C-alpha atoms as a PDB file:
ATOM      1  CA  MET A   1      -1.563  28.881  13.584  1.00  0.00           C
ATOM      2  CA  VAL A   2      -2.373  26.689  11.047  1.00  0.00           C
ATOM      3  CA  LYS A   3      -0.169  23.871   9.719  1.00  0.00           C
ATOM      4  CA  LYS A   4      -1.141  21.815   7.062  1.00  0.00           C
ATOM      5  CA  ILE A   5      -0.252  17.835   7.168  1.00  0.00           C
ATOM      6  CA  GLY A   6      -0.817  15.040   4.472  1.00  0.00           C
ATOM      7  CA  ILE A   7      -1.069  11.179   5.674  1.00  0.00           C
ATOM      8  CA  ASP A   8      -0.890   8.269   3.871  1.00  0.00           C
ATOM      9  CA  LEU A   9      -1.941   5.703   6.155  1.00  0.00           C
ATOM     10  CA  GLY A  10      -0.877   2.507   4.627  1.00  0.00           C
ATOM     11  CA  THR A  11      -1.447  -0.929   5.235  1.00  0.00           C
ATOM     12  CA  THR A  12       2.440  -1.767   5.254  1.00  0.00           C
ATOM     13  CA  ASN A  13       4.185   1.808   5.410  1.00  0.00           C
ATOM     14  CA  LEU A  14       2.672   4.971   6.795  1.00  0.00           C
ATOM     15  CA  LEU A  15       3.942   8.760   5.145  1.00  0.00           C
ATOM     16  CA  ILE A  16       3.608  12.032   6.669  1.00  0.00           C
ATOM     17  CA  CYS A  17       3.756  15.744   4.605  1.00  0.00           C
ATOM     18  CA  ALA A  18       3.958  19.013   5.825  1.00  0.00           C
ATOM     19  CA  GLU A  19       3.004  22.119   3.901  1.00  0.00           C
ATOM     20  CA  ARG A  20       6.003  23.446   2.564  1.00  0.00           C
ATOM     21  CA  GLU A  21       8.600  20.895   4.300  1.00  0.00           C
ATOM     22  CA  GLY A  22       7.602  17.776   2.399  1.00  0.00           C
ATOM     23  CA  VAL A  23       7.774  14.002   3.618  1.00  0.00           C
ATOM     24  CA  ILE A  24       8.595  14.111   7.288  1.00  0.00           C
ATOM     25  CA  VAL A  25       7.826  10.424   7.954  1.00  0.00           C
ATOM     26  CA  ASN A  26       8.396   7.695   5.959  1.00  0.00           C
ATOM     27  CA  GLU A  27       8.216   4.411   8.137  1.00  0.00           C
ATOM     28  CA  PRO A  28       6.343   0.989   8.013  1.00  0.00           C
ATOM     29  CA  SER A  29       2.977   0.928   9.815  1.00  0.00           C
ATOM     30  CA  VAL A  30       3.830  -1.385  12.672  1.00  0.00           C
ATOM     31  CA  ILE A  31       4.030  -0.460  16.482  1.00  0.00           C
ATOM     32  CA  THR A  32       5.487  -2.662  19.362  1.00  0.00           C
ATOM     33  CA  ILE A  33       3.600  -2.691  22.790  1.00  0.00           C
ATOM     34  CA  ASP A  34       4.504  -4.137  25.903  1.00  0.00           C
ATOM     35  CA  THR A  35       1.603  -6.182  26.801  1.00  0.00           C
ATOM     36  CA  GLU A  36       1.720  -5.239  30.441  1.00  0.00           C
ATOM     37  CA  SER A  37       2.032  -1.483  30.673  1.00  0.00           C
ATOM     38  CA  LYS A  38       0.209  -1.578  27.445  1.00  0.00           C
ATOM     39  CA  LYS A  39       2.931   1.648  26.357  1.00  0.00           C
ATOM     40  CA  CYS A  40       4.231   2.288  22.849  1.00  0.00           C
ATOM     41  CA  ILE A  41       8.353   0.722  22.809  1.00  0.00           C
ATOM     42  CA  ALA A  42       8.863   1.320  19.048  1.00  0.00           C
ATOM     43  CA  ALA A  43       7.059   2.435  15.906  1.00  0.00           C
ATOM     44  CA  GLY A  44       7.921   2.258  12.078  1.00  0.00           C
ATOM     45  CA  GLN A  45      11.444   0.917  10.981  1.00  0.00           C
ATOM     46  CA  ALA A  46      12.258   0.170  14.663  1.00  0.00           C
ATOM     47  CA  ALA A  47       9.025  -1.896  15.231  1.00  0.00           C
ATOM     48  CA  LYS A  48       9.174  -3.502  12.219  1.00  0.00           C
ATOM     49  CA  GLU A  49      12.493  -4.625  12.905  1.00  0.00           C
ATOM     50  CA  MET A  50      11.058  -6.795  15.988  1.00  0.00           C
ATOM     51  CA  VAL A  51       8.696  -8.714  14.407  1.00  0.00           C
ATOM     52  CA  GLY A  52       8.498 -11.666  15.016  1.00  0.00           C
ATOM     53  CA  LYS A  53      11.597 -11.838  17.264  1.00  0.00           C
ATOM     54  CA  THR A  54       9.787 -10.542  20.629  1.00  0.00           C
ATOM     55  CA  PRO A  55       9.745 -11.880  24.086  1.00  0.00           C
ATOM     56  CA  LYS A  56       6.239 -12.686  25.540  1.00  0.00           C
ATOM     57  CA  ASN A  57       5.640  -9.024  27.364  1.00  0.00           C
ATOM     58  CA  MET A  58       6.193  -7.440  23.798  1.00  0.00           C
ATOM     59  CA  VAL A  59       3.645  -7.324  20.737  1.00  0.00           C
ATOM     60  CA  SER A  60       4.181  -6.199  17.501  1.00  0.00           C
ATOM     61  CA  ILE A  61       1.262  -4.946  15.808  1.00  0.00           C
ATOM     62  CA  TYR A  62       0.256  -4.285  12.500  1.00  0.00           C
ATOM     63  CA  PRO A  63      -3.089  -1.525  12.994  1.00  0.00           C
ATOM     64  CA  LEU A  64      -4.172  -1.402   9.890  1.00  0.00           C
ATOM     65  CA  LYS A  65      -5.210  -4.290   7.522  1.00  0.00           C
ATOM     66  CA  ASP A  66      -6.761  -4.185   3.607  1.00  0.00           C
ATOM     67  CA  GLY A  67      -6.551  -0.336   4.006  1.00  0.00           C
ATOM     68  CA  VAL A  68      -8.075   0.306   7.034  1.00  0.00           C
ATOM     69  CA  VAL A  69      -8.215   0.725  11.038  1.00  0.00           C
ATOM     70  CA  ALA A  70      -8.164  -3.082  12.393  1.00  0.00           C
ATOM     71  CA  ASP A  71      -6.862  -1.864  16.116  1.00  0.00           C
ATOM     72  CA  TYR A  72      -7.920   1.753  16.777  1.00  0.00           C
ATOM     73  CA  GLU A  73      -5.870   2.277  20.045  1.00  0.00           C
ATOM     74  CA  ALA A  74      -2.789   0.558  18.297  1.00  0.00           C
ATOM     75  CA  THR A  75      -3.745   3.255  15.449  1.00  0.00           C
ATOM     76  CA  ASP A  76      -3.744   5.973  17.722  1.00  0.00           C
ATOM     77  CA  MET A  77      -0.565   4.975  19.514  1.00  0.00           C
ATOM     78  CA  MET A  78       1.310   5.217  16.236  1.00  0.00           C
ATOM     79  CA  LEU A  79      -0.063   8.364  14.982  1.00  0.00           C
ATOM     80  CA  ALA A  80       0.665   9.928  18.462  1.00  0.00           C
ATOM     81  CA  HIS A  81       4.185   8.443  18.506  1.00  0.00           C
ATOM     82  CA  PHE A  82       5.161  10.309  15.149  1.00  0.00           C
ATOM     83  CA  PHE A  83       3.292  13.183  15.741  1.00  0.00           C
ATOM     84  CA  LYS A  84       5.367  13.904  19.166  1.00  0.00           C
ATOM     85  CA  LYS A  85       8.699  12.608  17.052  1.00  0.00           C
ATOM     86  CA  CYS A  86       8.218  15.432  14.354  1.00  0.00           C
ATOM     87  CA  ASN A  87       6.641  18.026  16.698  1.00  0.00           C
ATOM     88  CA  LEU A  88       3.392  18.461  15.116  1.00  0.00           C
ATOM     89  CA  LYS A  89       0.998  18.324  18.334  1.00  0.00           C
ATOM     90  CA  LYS A  90       1.938  21.762  19.760  1.00  0.00           C
ATOM     91  CA  MET A  91      -0.551  23.677  22.009  1.00  0.00           C
ATOM     92  CA  PHE A  92      -1.407  26.700  20.249  1.00  0.00           C
ATOM     93  CA  THR A  93      -0.919  24.936  16.312  1.00  0.00           C
ATOM     94  CA  ARG A  94      -4.543  24.204  14.389  1.00  0.00           C
ATOM     95  CA  ASN A  95      -3.791  21.103  12.368  1.00  0.00           C
ATOM     96  CA  VAL A  96      -5.831  20.664   9.154  1.00  0.00           C
ATOM     97  CA  ILE A  97      -5.368  17.165   7.663  1.00  0.00           C
ATOM     98  CA  LEU A  98      -5.686  15.260   4.963  1.00  0.00           C
ATOM     99  CA  ILE A  99      -5.848  11.411   4.993  1.00  0.00           C
ATOM    100  CA  CYS A 100      -5.983   9.165   2.454  1.00  0.00           C
ATOM    101  CA  CYS A 101      -8.203   5.549   2.094  1.00  0.00           C
ATOM    102  CA  PRO A 102      -9.260   3.009  -0.270  1.00  0.00           C
ATOM    103  CA  THR A 103     -12.425   3.198  -2.458  1.00  0.00           C
ATOM    104  CA  ASN A 104     -15.492   1.783  -1.464  1.00  0.00           C
ATOM    105  CA  ILE A 105     -14.804   1.477   2.245  1.00  0.00           C
ATOM    106  CA  THR A 106     -18.035   1.647   4.773  1.00  0.00           C
ATOM    107  CA  SER A 107     -18.862   4.822   6.654  1.00  0.00           C
ATOM    108  CA  VAL A 108     -17.940   2.664  10.048  1.00  0.00           C
ATOM    109  CA  GLU A 109     -14.256   2.521   8.370  1.00  0.00           C
ATOM    110  CA  ARG A 110     -14.600   5.977   7.101  1.00  0.00           C
ATOM    111  CA  ASN A 111     -15.520   7.486  10.251  1.00  0.00           C
ATOM    112  CA  ALA A 112     -12.836   5.198  12.059  1.00  0.00           C
ATOM    113  CA  ILE A 113     -10.097   6.821  10.023  1.00  0.00           C
ATOM    114  CA  ARG A 114     -11.803  10.284  10.598  1.00  0.00           C
ATOM    115  CA  ASP A 115     -11.503   9.678  14.548  1.00  0.00           C
ATOM    116  CA  CYS A 116      -7.730   8.708  14.475  1.00  0.00           C
ATOM    117  CA  ALA A 117      -6.685  11.783  12.803  1.00  0.00           C
ATOM    118  CA  TYR A 118      -9.015  13.865  15.452  1.00  0.00           C
ATOM    119  CA  HIS A 119      -7.529  11.967  18.112  1.00  0.00           C
ATOM    120  CA  ALA A 120      -3.914  12.971  16.766  1.00  0.00           C
ATOM    121  CA  GLY A 121      -4.285  16.628  16.983  1.00  0.00           C
ATOM    122  CA  ALA A 122      -6.499  17.864  13.844  1.00  0.00           C
ATOM    123  CA  LYS A 123      -9.079  20.591  14.024  1.00  0.00           C
ATOM    124  CA  LYS A 124     -10.181  20.192  10.630  1.00  0.00           C
ATOM    125  CA  VAL A 125     -10.222  16.844   8.928  1.00  0.00           C
ATOM    126  CA  TYR A 126     -10.487  15.673   4.932  1.00  0.00           C
ATOM    127  CA  ILE A 127     -10.787  12.568   3.550  1.00  0.00           C
ATOM    128  CA  GLU A 128     -10.129  11.790   0.164  1.00  0.00           C
ATOM    129  CA  GLU A 129      -9.673   8.137  -1.856  1.00  0.00           C
ATOM    130  CA  GLU A 130      -6.258   7.153  -2.583  1.00  0.00           C
ATOM    131  CA  PRO A 131      -6.316   6.691  -6.533  1.00  0.00           C
ATOM    132  CA  LYS A 132      -7.669  10.003  -7.177  1.00  0.00           C
ATOM    133  CA  VAL A 133      -4.658  11.417  -4.550  1.00  0.00           C
ATOM    134  CA  ALA A 134      -2.412   8.869  -6.440  1.00  0.00           C
ATOM    135  CA  ALA A 135      -3.488   9.917  -9.899  1.00  0.00           C
ATOM    136  CA  VAL A 136      -2.370  13.726  -8.442  1.00  0.00           C
ATOM    137  CA  GLY A 137       0.777  12.920  -7.172  1.00  0.00           C
ATOM    138  CA  ALA A 138       1.761  10.813 -10.763  1.00  0.00           C
ATOM    139  CA  GLY A 139       1.286  13.802 -12.512  1.00  0.00           C
ATOM    140  CA  LEU A 140      -2.243  13.293 -13.903  1.00  0.00           C
ATOM    141  CA  ASP A 141      -4.421  16.493 -14.329  1.00  0.00           C
ATOM    142  CA  ILE A 142      -7.556  14.861 -13.466  1.00  0.00           C
ATOM    143  CA  GLY A 143      -9.789  17.999 -13.465  1.00  0.00           C
ATOM    144  CA  GLN A 144      -9.471  17.847 -17.574  1.00  0.00           C
ATOM    145  CA  PRO A 145     -12.645  15.916 -19.355  1.00  0.00           C
ATOM    146  CA  LEU A 146     -10.494  13.368 -20.205  1.00  0.00           C
ATOM    147  CA  ALA A 147     -10.281   9.984 -18.687  1.00  0.00           C
ATOM    148  CA  SER A 148      -7.272   9.441 -16.172  1.00  0.00           C
ATOM    149  CA  PHE A 149      -7.315   4.943 -15.298  1.00  0.00           C
ATOM    150  CA  VAL A 150      -5.207   4.498 -12.359  1.00  0.00           C
ATOM    151  CA  LEU A 151      -4.503   1.061 -10.426  1.00  0.00           C
ATOM    152  CA  ASP A 152      -3.021   1.755  -7.253  1.00  0.00           C
ATOM    153  CA  MET A 153      -1.656  -1.206  -5.586  1.00  0.00           C
ATOM    154  CA  GLY A 154      -0.461  -1.211  -1.759  1.00  0.00           C
ATOM    155  CA  GLY A 155       0.204  -3.693   0.658  1.00  0.00           C
ATOM    156  CA  GLY A 156      -3.603  -3.967   2.281  1.00  0.00           C
ATOM    157  CA  THR A 157      -5.895  -3.345  -0.860  1.00  0.00           C
ATOM    158  CA  THR A 158      -5.469  -2.658  -4.442  1.00  0.00           C
ATOM    159  CA  ASP A 159      -7.360   0.425  -6.056  1.00  0.00           C
ATOM    160  CA  VAL A 160      -8.567   0.951  -9.889  1.00  0.00           C
ATOM    161  CA  ALA A 161     -10.735   3.717 -10.891  1.00  0.00           C
ATOM    162  CA  VAL A 162     -11.065   5.800 -13.931  1.00  0.00           C
ATOM    163  CA  ILE A 163     -11.495   9.583 -12.993  1.00  0.00           C
ATOM    164  CA  SER A 164     -12.729  12.794 -14.503  1.00  0.00           C
ATOM    165  CA  LEU A 165     -13.573  16.446 -14.263  1.00  0.00           C
ATOM    166  CA  GLY A 166     -11.731  15.806 -10.617  1.00  0.00           C
ATOM    167  CA  ASP A 167     -13.257  12.963  -9.578  1.00  0.00           C
ATOM    168  CA  ILE A 168     -14.065   9.404  -9.785  1.00  0.00           C
ATOM    169  CA  VAL A 169     -16.363   7.747 -11.927  1.00  0.00           C
ATOM    170  CA  CYS A 170     -16.318   4.220 -11.323  1.00  0.00           C
ATOM    171  CA  SER A 171     -14.082   2.087  -9.348  1.00  0.00           C
ATOM    172  CA  ALA A 172     -12.973  -1.001  -7.295  1.00  0.00           C
ATOM    173  CA  SER A 173     -11.372  -1.883  -4.605  1.00  0.00           C
ATOM    174  CA  ILE A 174      -9.979  -5.367  -3.930  1.00  0.00           C
ATOM    175  CA  LYS A 175      -7.767  -7.052  -1.040  1.00  0.00           C
ATOM    176  CA  VAL A 176      -5.618  -8.455  -3.160  1.00  0.00           C
ATOM    177  CA  ALA A 177      -2.190  -6.800  -2.887  1.00  0.00           C
ATOM    178  CA  GLY A 178       1.622  -6.770  -1.985  1.00  0.00           C
ATOM    179  CA  ASN A 179       0.425  -8.594   1.658  1.00  0.00           C
ATOM    180  CA  ARG A 180      -1.733 -11.462  -0.170  1.00  0.00           C
ATOM    181  CA  LEU A 181       1.592 -11.903  -2.559  1.00  0.00           C
ATOM    182  CA  ASN A 182       3.651 -12.550   0.668  1.00  0.00           C
ATOM    183  CA  LYS A 183       0.839 -15.332   1.468  1.00  0.00           C
ATOM    184  CA  ASN A 184       1.349 -16.808  -1.701  1.00  0.00           C
ATOM    185  CA  ILE A 185       4.668 -16.928  -1.345  1.00  0.00           C
ATOM    186  CA  ILE A 186       4.772 -18.124   2.492  1.00  0.00           C
ATOM    187  CA  ASP A 187       2.250 -20.973   1.387  1.00  0.00           C
ATOM    188  CA  PHE A 188       4.237 -21.594  -1.524  1.00  0.00           C
ATOM    189  CA  MET A 189       7.337 -22.620   0.077  1.00  0.00           C
ATOM    190  CA  ARG A 190       5.517 -24.227   2.719  1.00  0.00           C
ATOM    191  CA  ILE A 191       3.470 -26.940   0.318  1.00  0.00           C
ATOM    192  CA  GLU A 192       6.079 -26.621  -2.525  1.00  0.00           C
ATOM    193  CA  LYS A 193       9.733 -26.654  -0.482  1.00  0.00           C
ATOM    194  CA  LYS A 194       8.505 -27.852   2.729  1.00  0.00           C
ATOM    195  CA  LEU A 195      10.031 -24.939   4.245  1.00  0.00           C
ATOM    196  CA  SER A 196       8.574 -22.757   6.912  1.00  0.00           C
ATOM    197  CA  ILE A 197       9.312 -18.968   6.395  1.00  0.00           C
ATOM    198  CA  GLY A 198       8.547 -15.601   8.248  1.00  0.00           C
ATOM    199  CA  GLU A 199       6.647 -13.000   6.231  1.00  0.00           C
ATOM    200  CA  MET A 200       9.972 -10.678   6.313  1.00  0.00           C
ATOM    201  CA  SER A 201      11.354 -13.455   4.253  1.00  0.00           C
ATOM    202  CA  ALA A 202       8.715 -13.574   1.954  1.00  0.00           C
ATOM    203  CA  GLU A 203       8.717 -10.266   0.890  1.00  0.00           C
ATOM    204  CA  LYS A 204      12.315 -10.125   0.757  1.00  0.00           C
ATOM    205  CA  MET A 205      11.403 -13.013  -1.881  1.00  0.00           C
ATOM    206  CA  LYS A 206       9.324 -10.768  -3.487  1.00  0.00           C
ATOM    207  CA  ILE A 207      11.288  -8.044  -3.634  1.00  0.00           C
ATOM    208  CA  GLU A 208      14.563  -9.722  -5.428  1.00  0.00           C
ATOM    209  CA  ILE A 209      13.230 -11.889  -7.481  1.00  0.00           C
ATOM    210  CA  GLY A 210       9.082 -11.601  -7.500  1.00  0.00           C
ATOM    211  CA  CYS A 211       7.734 -11.324 -11.293  1.00  0.00           C
ATOM    212  CA  ALA A 212       4.674 -11.433 -12.969  1.00  0.00           C
ATOM    213  CA  LEU A 213       5.699 -13.582 -15.537  1.00  0.00           C
ATOM    214  CA  GLN A 214       7.461 -16.418 -16.324  1.00  0.00           C
ATOM    215  CA  ARG A 215      10.721 -15.798 -18.285  1.00  0.00           C
ATOM    216  CA  GLU A 216      12.439 -18.116 -20.389  1.00  0.00           C
ATOM    217  CA  LYS A 217      15.831 -16.260 -19.942  1.00  0.00           C
ATOM    218  CA  ASP A 218      17.076 -13.597 -17.313  1.00  0.00           C
ATOM    219  CA  ILE A 219      15.753 -16.212 -14.114  1.00  0.00           C
ATOM    220  CA  ILE A 220      16.880 -14.981 -11.276  1.00  0.00           C
ATOM    221  CA  THR A 221      17.738 -18.016  -8.259  1.00  0.00           C
ATOM    222  CA  VAL A 222      18.212 -17.074  -4.778  1.00  0.00           C
ATOM    223  CA  ASN A 223      19.095 -19.455  -1.361  1.00  0.00           C
ATOM    224  CA  VAL A 224      15.969 -19.009   1.244  1.00  0.00           C
ATOM    225  CA  SER A 225      16.455 -20.115   4.346  1.00  0.00           C
ATOM    226  CA  GLY A 226      13.819 -21.649   7.153  1.00  0.00           C
ATOM    227  CA  ARG A 227      12.735 -24.252   8.950  1.00  0.00           C
ATOM    228  CA  ASP A 228      12.361 -27.879   7.628  1.00  0.00           C
ATOM    229  CA  LEU A 229       9.423 -28.989   8.432  1.00  0.00           C
ATOM    230  CA  THR A 230      10.378 -32.499   8.083  1.00  0.00           C
ATOM    231  CA  SER A 231      13.254 -32.543  10.452  1.00  0.00           C
ATOM    232  CA  GLY A 232      12.616 -29.158  12.004  1.00  0.00           C
ATOM    233  CA  LEU A 233      16.044 -28.365  11.494  1.00  0.00           C
ATOM    234  CA  PRO A 234      17.240 -24.862   9.443  1.00  0.00           C
ATOM    235  CA  VAL A 235      17.730 -25.574   5.879  1.00  0.00           C
ATOM    236  CA  SER A 236      18.499 -23.147   2.805  1.00  0.00           C
ATOM    237  CA  VAL A 237      16.831 -24.082  -0.562  1.00  0.00           C
ATOM    238  CA  GLN A 238      16.840 -22.436  -4.059  1.00  0.00           C
ATOM    239  CA  VAL A 239      13.812 -20.483  -5.621  1.00  0.00           C
ATOM    240  CA  THR A 240      13.792 -19.478  -8.985  1.00  0.00           C
ATOM    241  CA  SER A 241      11.891 -16.456 -10.077  1.00  0.00           C
ATOM    242  CA  ASN A 242      10.017 -18.455 -12.323  1.00  0.00           C
ATOM    243  CA  GLU A 243       8.138 -20.164  -9.352  1.00  0.00           C
ATOM    244  CA  ILE A 244       7.638 -17.144  -7.218  1.00  0.00           C
ATOM    245  CA  ALA A 245       5.988 -15.736 -10.704  1.00  0.00           C
ATOM    246  CA  GLN A 246       3.764 -19.335 -10.444  1.00  0.00           C
ATOM    247  CA  CYS A 247       2.742 -19.154  -7.140  1.00  0.00           C
ATOM    248  CA  ILE A 248       1.419 -15.133  -7.315  1.00  0.00           C
ATOM    249  CA  GLU A 249      -0.228 -15.481 -10.904  1.00  0.00           C
ATOM    250  CA  GLY A 250      -3.804 -16.297  -9.200  1.00  0.00           C
ATOM    251  CA  SER A 251      -3.883 -13.423  -7.195  1.00  0.00           C
ATOM    252  CA  LEU A 252      -2.388 -11.018  -9.983  1.00  0.00           C
ATOM    253  CA  MET A 253      -5.309 -12.537 -12.329  1.00  0.00           C
ATOM    254  CA  GLU A 254      -7.870 -11.115  -9.716  1.00  0.00           C
ATOM    255  CA  ILE A 255      -6.510  -7.724 -10.119  1.00  0.00           C
ATOM    256  CA  VAL A 256      -6.340  -8.162 -13.851  1.00  0.00           C
ATOM    257  CA  LYS A 257     -10.168  -9.131 -13.039  1.00  0.00           C
ATOM    258  CA  ALA A 258     -10.969  -5.944 -11.334  1.00  0.00           C
ATOM    259  CA  CYS A 259      -9.415  -3.664 -13.588  1.00  0.00           C
ATOM    260  CA  LYS A 260     -11.974  -5.031 -16.402  1.00  0.00           C
ATOM    261  CA  THR A 261     -14.455  -4.906 -14.199  1.00  0.00           C
ATOM    262  CA  VAL A 262     -14.220  -1.153 -14.466  1.00  0.00           C
ATOM    263  CA  LEU A 263     -13.408  -1.136 -17.655  1.00  0.00           C
ATOM    264  CA  ASP A 264     -17.074  -3.022 -18.191  1.00  0.00           C
ATOM    265  CA  VAL A 265     -18.602  -0.191 -16.505  1.00  0.00           C
ATOM    266  CA  ALA A 266     -16.628   3.145 -17.934  1.00  0.00           C
ATOM    267  CA  PRO A 267     -19.132   5.015 -20.123  1.00  0.00           C
ATOM    268  CA  PRO A 268     -18.200   4.846 -23.771  1.00  0.00           C
ATOM    269  CA  GLU A 269     -16.222   7.857 -24.082  1.00  0.00           C
ATOM    270  CA  LEU A 270     -14.037   7.817 -21.382  1.00  0.00           C
ATOM    271  CA  ALA A 271     -13.196   3.950 -22.497  1.00  0.00           C
ATOM    272  CA  ALA A 272     -11.922   5.965 -25.857  1.00  0.00           C
ATOM    273  CA  ASP A 273      -9.590   7.828 -24.047  1.00  0.00           C
ATOM    274  CA  ILE A 274      -8.168   4.880 -21.922  1.00  0.00           C
ATOM    275  CA  MET A 275      -7.425   3.629 -25.166  1.00  0.00           C
ATOM    276  CA  THR A 276      -5.053   6.141 -25.806  1.00  0.00           C
ATOM    277  CA  ARG A 277      -3.962   7.480 -22.528  1.00  0.00           C
ATOM    278  CA  GLY A 278      -3.486   4.305 -21.394  1.00  0.00           C
ATOM    279  CA  LEU A 279      -3.003   2.912 -17.497  1.00  0.00           C
ATOM    280  CA  VAL A 280      -1.224   4.154 -14.624  1.00  0.00           C
ATOM    281  CA  LEU A 281       0.274   1.702 -12.036  1.00  0.00           C
ATOM    282  CA  THR A 282       1.296   3.558  -8.539  1.00  0.00           C
ATOM    283  CA  GLY A 283       1.882   2.072  -5.494  1.00  0.00           C
ATOM    284  CA  GLY A 284       4.718  -0.972  -4.204  1.00  0.00           C
ATOM    285  CA  GLY A 285       3.124  -3.339  -6.862  1.00  0.00           C
ATOM    286  CA  ALA A 286       4.050  -1.084  -9.282  1.00  0.00           C
ATOM    287  CA  LEU A 287       7.675  -1.976  -8.667  1.00  0.00           C
ATOM    288  CA  LEU A 288       6.841  -6.015  -9.555  1.00  0.00           C
ATOM    289  CA  LYS A 289       8.810  -6.836 -12.379  1.00  0.00           C
ATOM    290  CA  ASP A 290       6.867  -7.352 -15.626  1.00  0.00           C
ATOM    291  CA  PHE A 291       3.249  -6.544 -13.777  1.00  0.00           C
ATOM    292  CA  ASP A 292       3.043  -3.290 -16.253  1.00  0.00           C
ATOM    293  CA  GLU A 293       3.774  -6.242 -19.353  1.00  0.00           C
ATOM    294  CA  LEU A 294       1.409  -8.431 -17.847  1.00  0.00           C
ATOM    295  CA  LEU A 295      -1.213  -5.945 -17.777  1.00  0.00           C
ATOM    296  CA  LYS A 296      -0.257  -4.724 -20.835  1.00  0.00           C
ATOM    297  CA  GLN A 297      -1.009  -8.539 -22.535  1.00  0.00           C
ATOM    298  CA  GLU A 298      -4.328  -8.637 -20.710  1.00  0.00           C
ATOM    299  CA  LEU A 299      -6.271  -5.316 -21.140  1.00  0.00           C
ATOM    300  CA  LYS A 300      -4.791  -4.503 -24.358  1.00  0.00           C
ATOM    301  CA  ILE A 301      -4.074  -0.798 -23.664  1.00  0.00           C
ATOM    302  CA  PRO A 302      -0.878   1.200 -22.718  1.00  0.00           C
ATOM    303  CA  VAL A 303       0.296   0.934 -19.425  1.00  0.00           C
ATOM    304  CA  TYR A 304       2.842   3.237 -17.629  1.00  0.00           C
ATOM    305  CA  VAL A 305       4.639   3.189 -14.236  1.00  0.00           C
ATOM    306  CA  ALA A 306       4.878   6.332 -12.475  1.00  0.00           C
ATOM    307  CA  GLU A 307       8.045   8.232 -11.646  1.00  0.00           C
ATOM    308  CA  LYS A 308       8.128   7.648  -7.905  1.00  0.00           C
ATOM    309  CA  PRO A 309       4.894   4.997  -7.203  1.00  0.00           C
ATOM    310  CA  LEU A 310       5.722   4.452  -3.347  1.00  0.00           C
ATOM    311  CA  ASN A 311       5.249   8.371  -2.872  1.00  0.00           C
ATOM    312  CA  CYS A 312       2.266   8.913  -5.298  1.00  0.00           C
ATOM    313  CA  VAL A 313      -0.157   9.523  -2.723  1.00  0.00           C
ATOM    314  CA  VAL A 314       1.723  11.600  -0.430  1.00  0.00           C
ATOM    315  CA  ASP A 315       2.941  13.537  -3.173  1.00  0.00           C
ATOM    316  CA  GLY A 316      -0.757  14.074  -4.540  1.00  0.00           C
ATOM    317  CA  CYS A 317      -1.316  15.079  -0.767  1.00  0.00           C
ATOM    318  CA  MET A 318       0.899  17.426  -1.327  1.00  0.00           C
ATOM    319  CA  LYS A 319      -0.575  19.522  -3.814  1.00  0.00           C
ATOM    320  CA  MET A 320      -3.877  18.944  -2.649  1.00  0.00           C
ATOM    321  CA  LEU A 321      -2.839  20.711   0.711  1.00  0.00           C
ATOM    322  CA  GLU A 322      -2.033  23.825  -1.354  1.00  0.00           C
ATOM    323  CA  ASN A 323      -5.527  24.361  -2.328  1.00  0.00           C
ATOM    324  CA  LEU A 324      -7.401  23.885   0.936  1.00  0.00           C
END
């Protein structure tokens, strides 16, 4: 029996879909391991809740970094955990796996992703580039002789690509994405507010008040708790959405620069299509407030946010699995 499975192996989130079943796993890409026995204690959301709170004999690991496998054994254990949980690794089942990766990765990084899929029980592995799959998931008809301009901003990488006739014409992949924005917020809080906060707190701030543009009205303010770097005691300070916009501005402009680089090398005929069809945003970064407005101002083209940006890659996997 052949079972077709699609995997969006993201830096921050792991999504797995199966043919005729839809999305069966949607969990953070985190695993908690016992350092003595080297066994998996928890994976996904349960492991994420342990980040920064583990005792000495446990460690919580993000096995993927910048969209590629950073810890092969941990990635292997994480996939095995979810395959077992979803009953995907059966004796007489031949799994065909479609797995997504960032554009412009090295052959070594690509082989590491393929090896993880084979070790998870695949009999055959297909690897597709994330912006192409995201474009399919966003509902774009990439098979036409027209330009589809896609920006997929995840946790570890941002991929920008121009797609035509079913394949990528030109692309760029930079290691500036959601995790970099979290680091910007942590650094800002440490330097400007003299407050030490963890990555979970930074991510929560980004989701609640993160903004790509500074506003004159509708400014959001939240209280953030952490450790005072001067006294060492727990304290709470106020932070505004404009302060967050200011501290992540540099990283967002790097993404804008990557978009301009891709547009600069795009063939003239496709550039003309982009002027009318615009840019489609996918991935978790598409949910950042005013990010589409920033791109409109900088690129001078229409910008649209996909209907379900977080699920575009896995939705694209499901559509592609039908044709495998």
